[in-house]
């Protein structure tokens, strides 16, 4: 009887665990935190380690001239001052060392992997929850989850195009045009 009890307990435990592994959507969630995480993964390296010298320099120069938000205040300055700041930033740029260039190349490889995962994640969210649910969460959270599609790698462009075409009616024209422009290699 002990063997039967242990065998039954083992069978139930293995069944429970295998059921959890059969459901790839068990940990998939669609809420503000999940779309913010996707957006953060999409932009983190682009805004830090992959950012060129020019815009951080413009930001610093603007702050030194009394614009507290730096680049955030760029739209409020006149054309002459903007030209002066842009010229100063350009003059301060310096050539990158071989090590810096190698670091950037290595970071781009990491970012391309992140882009692949983000693209697949958004596709999965659409498949499981539907485009309308994704649009609703994006609207509630002030995000644009579909923006990660403009960073999708070449190997996923056909899948992204298929997903976008299948959901065209639920994607506003600007987002649709931006995504399809990217997946078509920058051509309309």
N, C-alpha and C. Protein backbone atom coordinates (compact mmCIF):
# COMPACT_ATOMS: atom_id res chain seq x y z
N UNK A 1 0.83 -1.19 0.00
CA UNK A 1 0.00 0.00 0.00
C UNK A 1 0.87 1.25 0.00
N UNK A 2 2.01 1.22 0.72
CA UNK A 2 2.91 2.36 0.73
C UNK A 2 3.42 2.69 -0.67
N UNK A 3 3.76 1.65 -1.44
CA UNK A 3 4.26 1.85 -2.80
C UNK A 3 3.17 2.49 -3.66
N UNK A 4 1.95 2.04 -3.51
CA UNK A 4 0.86 2.61 -4.29
C UNK A 4 0.66 4.09 -3.97
N UNK A 5 0.73 4.43 -2.69
CA UNK A 5 0.56 5.81 -2.26
C UNK A 5 1.68 6.69 -2.84
N UNK A 6 2.93 6.21 -2.71
CA UNK A 6 4.08 6.96 -3.22
C UNK A 6 4.04 7.06 -4.74
N UNK A 7 3.66 5.99 -5.39
CA UNK A 7 3.56 6.01 -6.86
C UNK A 7 2.48 6.98 -7.30
N UNK A 8 1.36 7.00 -6.59
CA UNK A 8 0.28 7.93 -6.92
C UNK A 8 0.72 9.37 -6.68
N UNK A 9 1.39 9.62 -5.57
CA UNK A 9 1.88 10.96 -5.26
C UNK A 9 2.90 11.41 -6.31
N UNK A 10 3.80 10.51 -6.69
CA UNK A 10 4.78 10.83 -7.71
C UNK A 10 4.11 11.11 -9.05
N UNK A 11 3.13 10.29 -9.41
CA UNK A 11 2.40 10.48 -10.66
C UNK A 11 1.69 11.83 -10.68
N UNK A 12 1.02 12.18 -9.58
CA UNK A 12 0.31 13.46 -9.51
C UNK A 12 1.28 14.64 -9.56
N UNK A 13 2.41 14.52 -8.89
CA UNK A 13 3.41 15.59 -8.90
C UNK A 13 3.97 15.78 -10.30
N UNK A 14 4.34 14.68 -10.96
CA UNK A 14 4.86 14.77 -12.32
C UNK A 14 3.81 15.30 -13.29
N UNK A 15 2.59 14.89 -13.11
CA UNK A 15 1.50 15.38 -13.97
C UNK A 15 1.33 16.88 -13.79
N UNK A 16 1.35 17.32 -12.54
CA UNK A 16 1.19 18.75 -12.26
C UNK A 16 2.33 19.54 -12.88
N UNK A 17 3.56 19.08 -12.70
CA UNK A 17 4.72 19.78 -13.25
C UNK A 17 4.69 19.77 -14.77
N UNK A 18 4.31 18.67 -15.38
CA UNK A 18 4.28 18.63 -16.84
C UNK A 18 3.18 19.53 -17.38
N UNK A 19 2.09 19.66 -16.67
CA UNK A 19 1.03 20.57 -17.11
C UNK A 19 1.52 22.01 -17.08
N UNK A 20 2.31 22.34 -16.09
CA UNK A 20 2.85 23.69 -16.03
C UNK A 20 3.79 23.95 -17.20
N UNK A 21 4.56 22.97 -17.60
CA UNK A 21 5.49 23.15 -18.71
C UNK A 21 4.76 23.16 -20.05
N UNK A 22 3.58 22.56 -20.11
CA UNK A 22 2.83 22.53 -21.36
C UNK A 22 2.19 23.87 -21.65
N UNK A 23 2.03 24.72 -20.66
CA UNK A 23 1.38 26.01 -20.87
C UNK A 23 2.44 27.10 -20.95
N UNK A 24 2.87 27.42 -22.17
CA UNK A 24 3.91 28.44 -22.31
C UNK A 24 3.41 29.84 -21.94
N UNK A 25 2.11 30.00 -21.76
CA UNK A 25 1.54 31.30 -21.42
C UNK A 25 1.35 31.50 -19.93
N UNK A 26 1.79 30.54 -19.13
CA UNK A 26 1.55 30.61 -17.70
C UNK A 26 2.10 31.89 -17.08
N UNK A 27 3.26 32.36 -17.54
CA UNK A 27 3.87 33.56 -16.97
C UNK A 27 3.69 34.79 -17.84
N UNK A 28 2.92 34.65 -18.91
CA UNK A 28 2.69 35.77 -19.82
C UNK A 28 1.64 36.69 -19.21
N UNK A 29 1.96 37.98 -19.16
CA UNK A 29 1.01 38.94 -18.61
C UNK A 29 0.96 40.18 -19.47
N UNK A 30 -0.18 40.81 -19.45
CA UNK A 30 -0.39 42.03 -20.21
C UNK A 30 -0.94 43.08 -19.25
N UNK A 31 -0.04 43.92 -18.78
CA UNK A 31 -0.41 45.00 -17.88
C UNK A 31 0.62 46.13 -18.05
N UNK A 32 0.40 47.22 -17.33
CA UNK A 32 1.32 48.36 -17.48
C UNK A 32 2.76 47.99 -17.16
N UNK A 33 2.96 47.22 -16.12
CA UNK A 33 4.33 46.86 -15.77
C UNK A 33 5.00 46.05 -16.88
N UNK A 34 4.26 45.13 -17.50
CA UNK A 34 4.88 44.31 -18.54
C UNK A 34 5.23 45.13 -19.78
N UNK A 35 4.37 46.07 -20.18
CA UNK A 35 4.72 46.88 -21.36
C UNK A 35 5.81 47.90 -21.03
N UNK A 36 5.87 48.36 -19.79
CA UNK A 36 6.96 49.25 -19.39
C UNK A 36 8.30 48.50 -19.40
N UNK A 37 8.28 47.23 -18.99
CA UNK A 37 9.50 46.41 -19.02
C UNK A 37 9.99 46.23 -20.46
N UNK A 38 9.06 45.99 -21.37
CA UNK A 38 9.43 45.83 -22.78
C UNK A 38 10.05 47.12 -23.30
N UNK A 39 9.40 48.25 -23.01
CA UNK A 39 9.91 49.54 -23.46
C UNK A 39 11.30 49.83 -22.87
N UNK A 40 11.48 49.48 -21.60
CA UNK A 40 12.77 49.71 -20.95
C UNK A 40 13.85 48.86 -21.61
N UNK A 41 13.55 47.58 -21.87
CA UNK A 41 14.53 46.71 -22.55
C UNK A 41 14.85 47.24 -23.94
N UNK A 42 13.84 47.78 -24.61
CA UNK A 42 14.04 48.30 -25.96
C UNK A 42 14.97 49.51 -25.97
N UNK A 43 14.87 50.37 -24.97
CA UNK A 43 15.58 51.64 -25.00
C UNK A 43 16.80 51.74 -24.09
N UNK A 44 16.93 50.87 -23.10
CA UNK A 44 17.99 51.02 -22.10
C UNK A 44 19.38 51.17 -22.71
N UNK A 45 19.82 50.21 -23.48
CA UNK A 45 21.17 50.30 -24.06
C UNK A 45 21.25 51.38 -25.12
N UNK A 46 20.16 51.59 -25.85
CA UNK A 46 20.16 52.63 -26.88
C UNK A 46 20.37 54.02 -26.25
N UNK A 47 19.83 54.23 -25.07
CA UNK A 47 19.94 55.54 -24.41
C UNK A 47 21.22 55.68 -23.60
N UNK A 48 21.91 54.58 -23.34
CA UNK A 48 23.11 54.65 -22.50
C UNK A 48 24.35 54.28 -23.31
N UNK A 49 24.65 53.01 -23.38
CA UNK A 49 25.90 52.54 -23.99
C UNK A 49 25.96 52.72 -25.50
N UNK A 50 24.81 52.84 -26.17
CA UNK A 50 24.81 52.99 -27.62
C UNK A 50 24.56 54.42 -28.08
N UNK A 51 24.29 55.28 -27.12
CA UNK A 51 24.05 56.69 -27.48
C UNK A 51 25.36 57.30 -27.96
N UNK A 52 25.28 58.02 -29.03
CA UNK A 52 26.47 58.71 -29.55
C UNK A 52 26.84 59.87 -28.63
N UNK A 53 27.86 60.57 -29.01
CA UNK A 53 28.34 61.69 -28.20
C UNK A 53 27.50 62.95 -28.38
N UNK A 54 26.94 63.14 -29.57
CA UNK A 54 26.33 64.41 -29.95
C UNK A 54 25.19 64.84 -29.01
N UNK A 55 24.19 64.02 -28.86
CA UNK A 55 23.02 64.44 -28.08
C UNK A 55 23.30 64.60 -26.57
N UNK A 56 24.13 63.75 -25.98
CA UNK A 56 24.50 64.04 -24.59
C UNK A 56 25.26 65.37 -24.45
N UNK A 57 26.08 65.69 -25.46
CA UNK A 57 26.79 66.97 -25.44
C UNK A 57 25.79 68.13 -25.57
N UNK A 58 24.84 68.02 -26.50
CA UNK A 58 23.81 69.06 -26.65
C UNK A 58 23.06 69.22 -25.33
N UNK A 59 22.70 68.11 -24.71
CA UNK A 59 21.98 68.16 -23.44
C UNK A 59 22.78 68.92 -22.38
N UNK A 60 24.06 68.61 -22.26
CA UNK A 60 24.92 69.29 -21.27
C UNK A 60 25.06 70.77 -21.58
N UNK A 61 25.27 71.10 -22.84
CA UNK A 61 25.43 72.51 -23.22
C UNK A 61 24.15 73.29 -22.90
N UNK A 62 23.01 72.70 -23.23
CA UNK A 62 21.74 73.38 -22.96
C UNK A 62 21.55 73.60 -21.46
N UNK A 63 21.88 72.60 -20.68
CA UNK A 63 21.76 72.74 -19.22
C UNK A 63 22.70 73.83 -18.71
N UNK A 64 23.91 73.89 -19.29
CA UNK A 64 24.86 74.92 -18.86
C UNK A 64 24.38 76.33 -19.24
N UNK A 65 23.52 76.43 -20.23
CA UNK A 65 22.97 77.72 -20.65
C UNK A 65 21.65 78.05 -19.95
N UNK A 66 21.30 77.23 -18.93
CA UNK A 66 20.13 77.54 -18.12
C UNK A 66 18.85 76.83 -18.50
N UNK A 67 18.91 75.90 -19.44
CA UNK A 67 17.73 75.12 -19.81
C UNK A 67 17.73 73.85 -18.96
N UNK A 68 16.95 73.86 -17.91
CA UNK A 68 16.98 72.80 -16.90
C UNK A 68 16.71 71.41 -17.48
N UNK A 69 15.87 71.34 -18.50
CA UNK A 69 15.54 70.03 -19.07
C UNK A 69 16.47 69.65 -20.22
N UNK A 70 17.48 70.45 -20.47
CA UNK A 70 18.44 70.14 -21.52
C UNK A 70 17.75 69.93 -22.85
N UNK A 71 17.97 68.77 -23.46
CA UNK A 71 17.37 68.45 -24.76
C UNK A 71 15.85 68.56 -24.72
N UNK A 72 15.27 68.33 -23.57
CA UNK A 72 13.81 68.44 -23.42
C UNK A 72 13.30 69.84 -23.72
N UNK A 73 14.18 70.82 -23.66
CA UNK A 73 13.81 72.21 -23.94
C UNK A 73 14.19 72.64 -25.35
N UNK A 74 14.70 71.73 -26.17
CA UNK A 74 15.21 72.09 -27.50
C UNK A 74 14.15 72.75 -28.38
N UNK A 75 12.91 72.35 -28.23
CA UNK A 75 11.86 72.91 -29.09
C UNK A 75 11.52 74.36 -28.72
N UNK A 76 11.99 74.80 -27.55
CA UNK A 76 11.65 76.16 -27.12
C UNK A 76 12.74 77.19 -27.43
N UNK A 77 13.84 76.77 -28.04
CA UNK A 77 14.90 77.73 -28.34
C UNK A 77 14.81 78.18 -29.79
N UNK A 78 15.30 79.37 -30.05
CA UNK A 78 15.22 79.90 -31.42
C UNK A 78 16.28 79.23 -32.31
N UNK A 79 16.11 79.37 -33.59
CA UNK A 79 16.94 78.71 -34.59
C UNK A 79 18.41 79.08 -34.46
N UNK A 80 18.70 80.35 -34.20
CA UNK A 80 20.09 80.80 -34.10
C UNK A 80 20.79 80.15 -32.91
N UNK A 81 20.13 80.13 -31.74
CA UNK A 81 20.74 79.51 -30.56
C UNK A 81 20.88 78.00 -30.76
N UNK A 82 19.89 77.40 -31.38
CA UNK A 82 19.96 75.97 -31.64
C UNK A 82 21.17 75.66 -32.53
N UNK A 83 21.37 76.44 -33.56
CA UNK A 83 22.50 76.25 -34.46
C UNK A 83 23.82 76.41 -33.71
N UNK A 84 23.89 77.40 -32.84
CA UNK A 84 25.10 77.64 -32.04
C UNK A 84 25.40 76.44 -31.14
N UNK A 85 24.37 75.93 -30.47
CA UNK A 85 24.54 74.78 -29.56
C UNK A 85 24.95 73.54 -30.34
N UNK A 86 24.29 73.31 -31.48
CA UNK A 86 24.59 72.14 -32.31
C UNK A 86 26.04 72.21 -32.82
N UNK A 87 26.49 73.40 -33.22
CA UNK A 87 27.87 73.56 -33.70
C UNK A 87 28.87 73.31 -32.57
N UNK A 88 28.56 73.82 -31.38
CA UNK A 88 29.45 73.60 -30.24
C UNK A 88 29.53 72.11 -29.90
N UNK A 89 28.40 71.42 -29.91
CA UNK A 89 28.40 69.98 -29.62
C UNK A 89 29.21 69.22 -30.66
N UNK A 90 29.05 69.58 -31.91
CA UNK A 90 29.81 68.93 -32.99
C UNK A 90 31.31 69.14 -32.79
N UNK A 91 31.70 70.34 -32.39
CA UNK A 91 33.13 70.64 -32.21
C UNK A 91 33.72 69.87 -31.02
N UNK A 92 32.88 69.47 -30.07
CA UNK A 92 33.36 68.75 -28.89
C UNK A 92 33.42 67.24 -29.08
N UNK A 93 32.80 66.72 -30.15
CA UNK A 93 32.86 65.29 -30.41
C UNK A 93 34.29 64.89 -30.71
N UNK A 94 34.66 63.70 -30.29
CA UNK A 94 36.01 63.21 -30.51
C UNK A 94 35.96 61.83 -31.15
N UNK A 95 37.01 61.47 -31.86
CA UNK A 95 37.03 60.12 -32.45
C UNK A 95 37.04 59.06 -31.34
N UNK A 96 36.37 57.95 -31.61
CA UNK A 96 36.33 56.86 -30.64
C UNK A 96 37.57 55.99 -30.77
N UNK A 97 38.02 55.48 -29.63
CA UNK A 97 39.18 54.58 -29.65
C UNK A 97 38.75 53.21 -30.19
N UNK A 98 39.71 52.39 -30.53
CA UNK A 98 39.43 51.04 -31.03
C UNK A 98 38.64 50.26 -29.97
N UNK A 99 39.02 50.40 -28.69
CA UNK A 99 38.32 49.70 -27.62
C UNK A 99 36.87 50.17 -27.52
N UNK A 100 36.65 51.47 -27.61
CA UNK A 100 35.29 51.99 -27.56
C UNK A 100 34.45 51.46 -28.72
N UNK A 101 35.04 51.41 -29.91
CA UNK A 101 34.33 50.87 -31.08
C UNK A 101 34.00 49.39 -30.89
N UNK A 102 34.96 48.62 -30.33
CA UNK A 102 34.72 47.20 -30.06
C UNK A 102 33.62 47.02 -29.02
N UNK A 103 33.63 47.87 -27.99
CA UNK A 103 32.59 47.81 -26.96
C UNK A 103 31.21 48.10 -27.56
N UNK A 104 31.15 49.07 -28.44
CA UNK A 104 29.88 49.41 -29.10
C UNK A 104 29.40 48.24 -29.95
N UNK A 105 30.31 47.62 -30.69
CA UNK A 105 29.95 46.46 -31.51
C UNK A 105 29.40 45.32 -30.65
N UNK A 106 30.07 45.06 -29.53
CA UNK A 106 29.62 43.99 -28.63
C UNK A 106 28.26 44.33 -28.02
N UNK A 107 28.06 45.58 -27.69
CA UNK A 107 26.78 46.01 -27.11
C UNK A 107 25.66 45.91 -28.15
N UNK A 108 25.95 46.22 -29.40
CA UNK A 108 24.95 46.08 -30.46
C UNK A 108 24.52 44.62 -30.61
N UNK A 109 25.46 43.69 -30.47
CA UNK A 109 25.10 42.27 -30.54
C UNK A 109 24.12 41.91 -29.43
N UNK A 110 24.37 42.43 -28.24
CA UNK A 110 23.45 42.19 -27.12
C UNK A 110 22.10 42.81 -27.43
N UNK A 111 22.10 44.04 -27.93
CA UNK A 111 20.84 44.73 -28.23
C UNK A 111 20.04 43.99 -29.30
N UNK A 112 20.71 43.44 -30.28
CA UNK A 112 20.01 42.69 -31.33
C UNK A 112 19.32 41.46 -30.75
N UNK A 113 19.94 40.82 -29.77
CA UNK A 113 19.29 39.69 -29.08
C UNK A 113 18.07 40.15 -28.30
N UNK A 114 18.21 41.28 -27.63
CA UNK A 114 17.07 41.86 -26.89
C UNK A 114 15.95 42.21 -27.86
N UNK A 115 16.30 42.79 -29.00
CA UNK A 115 15.29 43.15 -30.00
C UNK A 115 14.53 41.92 -30.49
N UNK A 116 15.24 40.82 -30.69
CA UNK A 116 14.58 39.57 -31.11
C UNK A 116 13.59 39.10 -30.04
N UNK A 117 14.04 39.09 -28.80
CA UNK A 117 13.17 38.64 -27.71
C UNK A 117 11.96 39.56 -27.55
N UNK A 118 12.18 40.87 -27.62
CA UNK A 118 11.05 41.81 -27.51
C UNK A 118 10.05 41.60 -28.63
N UNK A 119 10.55 41.42 -29.86
CA UNK A 119 9.67 41.21 -31.00
C UNK A 119 8.83 39.96 -30.80
N UNK A 120 9.48 38.86 -30.42
CA UNK A 120 8.76 37.62 -30.18
C UNK A 120 7.75 37.76 -29.04
N UNK A 121 8.12 38.52 -28.02
CA UNK A 121 7.24 38.75 -26.88
C UNK A 121 5.97 39.49 -27.30
N UNK A 122 6.13 40.55 -28.08
CA UNK A 122 4.96 41.31 -28.54
C UNK A 122 4.08 40.45 -29.44
N UNK A 123 4.69 39.68 -30.33
CA UNK A 123 3.92 38.78 -31.19
C UNK A 123 3.12 37.81 -30.33
N UNK A 124 3.75 37.27 -29.31
CA UNK A 124 3.06 36.31 -28.41
C UNK A 124 1.92 37.00 -27.67
N UNK A 125 2.14 38.21 -27.19
CA UNK A 125 1.06 38.95 -26.50
C UNK A 125 -0.13 39.14 -27.42
N UNK A 126 0.13 39.48 -28.67
CA UNK A 126 -0.95 39.66 -29.64
C UNK A 126 -1.66 38.35 -29.89
N UNK A 127 -0.90 37.26 -30.03
CA UNK A 127 -1.52 35.95 -30.27
C UNK A 127 -2.40 35.52 -29.11
N UNK A 128 -1.95 35.78 -27.88
CA UNK A 128 -2.68 35.30 -26.70
C UNK A 128 -3.80 36.25 -26.30
N UNK A 129 -3.50 37.55 -26.25
CA UNK A 129 -4.47 38.51 -25.71
C UNK A 129 -5.23 39.29 -26.79
N UNK A 130 -4.67 39.34 -27.99
CA UNK A 130 -5.28 40.09 -29.07
C UNK A 130 -4.76 41.51 -29.14
N UNK A 131 -4.79 42.07 -30.33
CA UNK A 131 -4.28 43.42 -30.56
C UNK A 131 -5.10 44.46 -29.81
N UNK A 132 -6.41 44.26 -29.69
CA UNK A 132 -7.24 45.24 -28.99
C UNK A 132 -6.84 45.36 -27.52
N UNK A 133 -6.54 44.24 -26.89
CA UNK A 133 -6.10 44.28 -25.49
C UNK A 133 -4.75 44.98 -25.35
N UNK A 134 -3.85 44.70 -26.29
CA UNK A 134 -2.55 45.37 -26.27
C UNK A 134 -2.72 46.88 -26.46
N UNK A 135 -3.56 47.26 -27.40
CA UNK A 135 -3.83 48.69 -27.64
C UNK A 135 -4.41 49.35 -26.40
N UNK A 136 -5.31 48.66 -25.71
CA UNK A 136 -5.92 49.21 -24.50
C UNK A 136 -4.87 49.44 -23.42
N UNK A 137 -4.03 48.45 -23.19
CA UNK A 137 -2.98 48.59 -22.17
C UNK A 137 -2.01 49.71 -22.56
N UNK A 138 -1.62 49.75 -23.83
CA UNK A 138 -0.73 50.82 -24.29
C UNK A 138 -1.35 52.19 -24.02
N UNK A 139 -2.62 52.33 -24.32
CA UNK A 139 -3.32 53.60 -24.11
C UNK A 139 -3.37 53.96 -22.64
N UNK A 140 -3.71 52.99 -21.80
CA UNK A 140 -3.80 53.24 -20.36
C UNK A 140 -2.44 53.59 -19.76
N UNK A 141 -1.38 53.05 -20.33
CA UNK A 141 -0.04 53.21 -19.75
C UNK A 141 0.82 54.24 -20.48
N UNK A 142 0.29 54.83 -21.54
CA UNK A 142 1.06 55.81 -22.30
C UNK A 142 2.24 55.20 -23.02
N UNK A 143 2.09 54.00 -23.53
CA UNK A 143 3.18 53.30 -24.23
C UNK A 143 2.76 52.95 -25.65
N UNK A 144 3.74 52.54 -26.44
CA UNK A 144 3.50 52.08 -27.80
C UNK A 144 4.31 50.79 -27.96
N UNK A 145 3.73 49.69 -27.52
CA UNK A 145 4.44 48.41 -27.55
C UNK A 145 4.86 47.99 -28.94
N UNK A 146 4.09 48.38 -29.94
CA UNK A 146 4.42 47.99 -31.31
C UNK A 146 5.70 48.66 -31.82
N UNK A 147 6.18 49.67 -31.10
CA UNK A 147 7.41 50.34 -31.51
C UNK A 147 8.59 49.38 -31.57
N UNK A 148 8.57 48.33 -30.76
CA UNK A 148 9.68 47.37 -30.80
C UNK A 148 9.77 46.70 -32.17
N UNK A 149 8.68 46.67 -32.92
CA UNK A 149 8.72 46.06 -34.25
C UNK A 149 9.66 46.81 -35.20
N UNK A 150 9.89 48.09 -34.97
CA UNK A 150 10.80 48.83 -35.86
C UNK A 150 12.26 48.49 -35.56
N UNK A 151 12.49 47.71 -34.52
CA UNK A 151 13.84 47.24 -34.21
C UNK A 151 13.97 45.74 -34.46
N UNK A 152 12.95 45.12 -35.04
CA UNK A 152 13.01 43.67 -35.22
C UNK A 152 14.13 43.30 -36.18
N UNK A 153 14.79 42.17 -35.93
CA UNK A 153 15.86 41.72 -36.81
C UNK A 153 15.31 41.21 -38.14
N UNK A 154 16.18 41.14 -39.12
CA UNK A 154 15.78 40.70 -40.46
C UNK A 154 15.05 39.37 -40.44
N UNK A 155 15.50 38.44 -39.62
CA UNK A 155 14.90 37.11 -39.58
C UNK A 155 13.46 37.08 -39.10
N UNK A 156 13.00 38.15 -38.47
CA UNK A 156 11.62 38.21 -37.97
C UNK A 156 10.74 39.18 -38.76
N UNK A 157 11.29 39.84 -39.74
CA UNK A 157 10.52 40.85 -40.48
C UNK A 157 9.29 40.26 -41.17
N UNK A 158 9.42 39.08 -41.76
CA UNK A 158 8.26 38.48 -42.42
C UNK A 158 7.15 38.17 -41.42
N UNK A 159 7.53 37.66 -40.25
CA UNK A 159 6.53 37.35 -39.21
C UNK A 159 5.88 38.64 -38.71
N UNK A 160 6.66 39.67 -38.49
CA UNK A 160 6.11 40.96 -38.04
C UNK A 160 5.16 41.50 -39.10
N UNK A 161 5.56 41.44 -40.36
CA UNK A 161 4.70 41.93 -41.44
C UNK A 161 3.37 41.17 -41.45
N UNK A 162 3.44 39.87 -41.26
CA UNK A 162 2.22 39.04 -41.22
C UNK A 162 1.31 39.45 -40.06
N UNK A 163 1.89 39.62 -38.89
CA UNK A 163 1.12 40.01 -37.70
C UNK A 163 0.49 41.39 -37.91
N UNK A 164 1.26 42.32 -38.43
CA UNK A 164 0.77 43.68 -38.66
C UNK A 164 -0.34 43.68 -39.71
N UNK A 165 -0.15 42.94 -40.78
CA UNK A 165 -1.18 42.86 -41.83
C UNK A 165 -2.47 42.24 -41.29
N UNK A 166 -2.32 41.18 -40.49
CA UNK A 166 -3.50 40.52 -39.94
C UNK A 166 -4.26 41.40 -38.95
N UNK A 167 -3.58 42.42 -38.41
CA UNK A 167 -4.20 43.30 -37.40
C UNK A 167 -4.27 44.74 -37.88
N UNK A 168 -4.16 44.95 -39.17
CA UNK A 168 -4.07 46.29 -39.76
C UNK A 168 -5.21 47.21 -39.31
N UNK A 169 -6.41 46.68 -39.21
CA UNK A 169 -7.56 47.51 -38.84
C UNK A 169 -7.48 48.05 -37.41
N UNK A 170 -6.68 47.40 -36.58
CA UNK A 170 -6.58 47.82 -35.18
C UNK A 170 -5.30 48.62 -34.89
N UNK A 171 -4.52 48.91 -35.94
CA UNK A 171 -3.28 49.67 -35.78
C UNK A 171 -3.46 51.00 -36.50
N UNK A 172 -3.21 52.10 -35.78
CA UNK A 172 -3.40 53.40 -36.43
C UNK A 172 -2.40 53.56 -37.59
N UNK A 173 -2.76 54.40 -38.54
CA UNK A 173 -1.99 54.55 -39.77
C UNK A 173 -0.53 54.91 -39.54
N UNK A 174 -0.25 55.82 -38.59
CA UNK A 174 1.14 56.22 -38.35
C UNK A 174 1.99 55.04 -37.88
N UNK A 175 1.46 54.27 -36.92
CA UNK A 175 2.21 53.11 -36.43
C UNK A 175 2.36 52.07 -37.54
N UNK A 176 1.29 51.82 -38.25
CA UNK A 176 1.32 50.84 -39.34
C UNK A 176 2.37 51.23 -40.39
N UNK A 177 2.36 52.49 -40.81
CA UNK A 177 3.31 52.95 -41.83
C UNK A 177 4.75 52.88 -41.32
N UNK A 178 4.96 53.23 -40.07
CA UNK A 178 6.30 53.19 -39.49
C UNK A 178 6.83 51.76 -39.46
N UNK A 179 5.99 50.83 -39.02
CA UNK A 179 6.41 49.43 -38.92
C UNK A 179 6.65 48.84 -40.30
N UNK A 180 5.71 49.04 -41.21
CA UNK A 180 5.88 48.45 -42.54
C UNK A 180 7.05 49.08 -43.30
N UNK A 181 7.30 50.36 -43.06
CA UNK A 181 8.48 50.99 -43.66
C UNK A 181 9.73 50.25 -43.20
N UNK A 182 9.81 49.93 -41.90
CA UNK A 182 10.98 49.23 -41.37
C UNK A 182 11.10 47.82 -41.94
N UNK A 183 10.01 47.06 -41.87
CA UNK A 183 10.11 45.66 -42.31
C UNK A 183 10.31 45.54 -43.82
N UNK A 184 10.01 46.61 -44.55
CA UNK A 184 10.27 46.61 -45.99
C UNK A 184 11.64 47.20 -46.33
N UNK A 185 12.50 47.30 -45.34
CA UNK A 185 13.86 47.78 -45.57
C UNK A 185 13.97 49.28 -45.77
N UNK A 186 13.07 50.03 -45.16
CA UNK A 186 13.11 51.49 -45.27
C UNK A 186 12.49 52.01 -46.55
N UNK A 187 11.67 51.17 -47.18
CA UNK A 187 10.99 51.59 -48.41
C UNK A 187 9.48 51.48 -48.22
N UNK A 188 8.75 52.33 -48.89
CA UNK A 188 7.29 52.27 -48.82
C UNK A 188 6.74 51.27 -49.80
